[in-house]
């Protein structure tokens, strides 16, 4: 589905670190957020779904315990027009 520029797209998706740092500062989330091993995620590790509004939604599952479901994953939505150059 994606062309050879896939690394550039992965870098866009991996901007979740900024949100991670913000969430880590929230007392109710801190215990769960501190369990996340923040690292680079390849597209092969992300789930991808599509919205009717012509958007891709990239899902990253951090594989935390069920007690941390509220922060156990991250979703990043991007419009098709923003990633057309990455599609075959």
Protein backbone atom coordinates (compact mmCIF):
# COMPACT_ATOMS: atom_id res chain seq x y z
CA UNK A 1 0.00 0.00 0.00
CA UNK A 2 2.87 2.38 0.78
CA UNK A 3 5.81 3.34 -1.45
CA UNK A 4 9.51 3.65 -0.64
CA UNK A 5 8.97 6.88 1.33
CA UNK A 6 7.43 4.83 4.13
CA UNK A 7 10.17 5.79 6.64
CA UNK A 8 9.16 9.44 6.33
CA UNK A 9 5.56 8.49 7.05
CA UNK A 10 6.63 6.41 10.05
CA UNK A 11 8.49 9.43 11.41
CA UNK A 12 5.28 11.48 11.18
CA UNK A 13 3.38 8.79 13.08
CA UNK A 14 6.03 8.55 15.75
CA UNK A 15 5.38 12.09 16.92
CA UNK A 16 3.30 10.53 19.70
CA UNK A 17 6.21 11.18 22.07
CA UNK A 18 4.99 14.75 22.58
CA UNK A 19 1.58 13.50 23.72
CA UNK A 20 3.27 10.82 25.84
CA UNK A 21 5.23 13.47 27.72
CA UNK A 22 2.08 15.53 28.31
CA UNK A 23 0.15 12.50 29.60
CA UNK A 24 3.02 11.47 31.87
CA UNK A 25 2.52 14.74 33.77
CA UNK A 26 -1.12 13.89 34.61
CA UNK A 27 -1.19 12.32 38.11
CA UNK A 28 -4.05 9.89 37.30
CA UNK A 29 -2.18 8.55 34.26
CA UNK A 30 1.39 8.65 35.52
CA UNK A 31 1.57 5.06 36.87
CA UNK A 32 0.39 3.57 33.58
CA UNK A 33 2.26 6.01 31.35
CA UNK A 34 5.53 5.19 33.10
CA UNK A 35 5.09 1.53 32.03
CA UNK A 36 5.20 2.46 28.35
CA UNK A 37 8.49 1.74 26.66
CA UNK A 38 8.50 4.63 24.22
CA UNK A 39 10.28 3.55 21.05
CA UNK A 40 10.05 3.88 17.30
CA UNK A 41 7.13 1.97 15.77
CA UNK A 42 7.20 0.76 12.18
CA UNK A 43 4.05 0.75 10.06
CA UNK A 44 4.06 -3.06 10.28
CA UNK A 45 3.50 -2.71 14.04
CA UNK A 46 0.61 -0.29 13.68
CA UNK A 47 -2.98 -1.11 13.03
CA UNK A 48 -4.51 0.98 10.28
CA UNK A 49 -8.19 1.72 9.90
CA UNK A 50 -10.02 4.09 7.60
CA UNK A 51 -12.68 6.66 8.41
CA UNK A 52 -15.46 7.54 5.99
CA UNK A 53 -14.10 11.09 5.96
CA UNK A 54 -11.08 9.97 3.91
CA UNK A 55 -8.74 9.66 6.86
CA UNK A 56 -6.26 7.01 7.90
CA UNK A 57 -6.14 6.15 11.60
CA UNK A 58 -2.89 4.62 12.84
CA UNK A 59 -3.15 2.57 16.05
CA UNK A 60 -0.27 1.66 18.35
CA UNK A 61 -0.90 -0.85 21.13
CA UNK A 62 1.52 -0.45 24.04
CA UNK A 63 0.52 -3.87 25.46
CA UNK A 64 -0.09 -2.66 29.01
CA UNK A 65 -2.10 -4.52 31.64
CA UNK A 66 -5.90 -4.25 31.59
CA UNK A 67 -5.68 -1.85 34.54
CA UNK A 68 -4.16 0.66 32.10
CA UNK A 69 -6.68 0.35 29.27
CA UNK A 70 -7.22 4.12 29.25
CA UNK A 71 -3.63 4.66 28.09
CA UNK A 72 -2.87 1.27 26.58
CA UNK A 73 -2.83 2.53 23.03
CA UNK A 74 -2.43 5.59 20.87
CA UNK A 75 -4.32 6.68 17.75
CA UNK A 76 -3.15 9.21 15.22
CA UNK A 77 -5.47 10.38 12.43
CA UNK A 78 -4.23 11.86 9.18
CA UNK A 79 -6.15 12.78 6.03
CA UNK A 80 -5.52 10.91 2.81
CA UNK A 81 -4.52 14.18 1.13
CA UNK A 82 -1.66 14.53 3.65
CA UNK A 83 -0.24 11.09 2.89
CA UNK A 84 -0.95 10.70 -0.82
CA UNK A 85 2.75 10.99 -1.62
CA UNK A 86 3.37 7.86 0.50
CA UNK A 87 0.81 5.70 -1.31
CA UNK A 88 1.58 3.51 -4.31
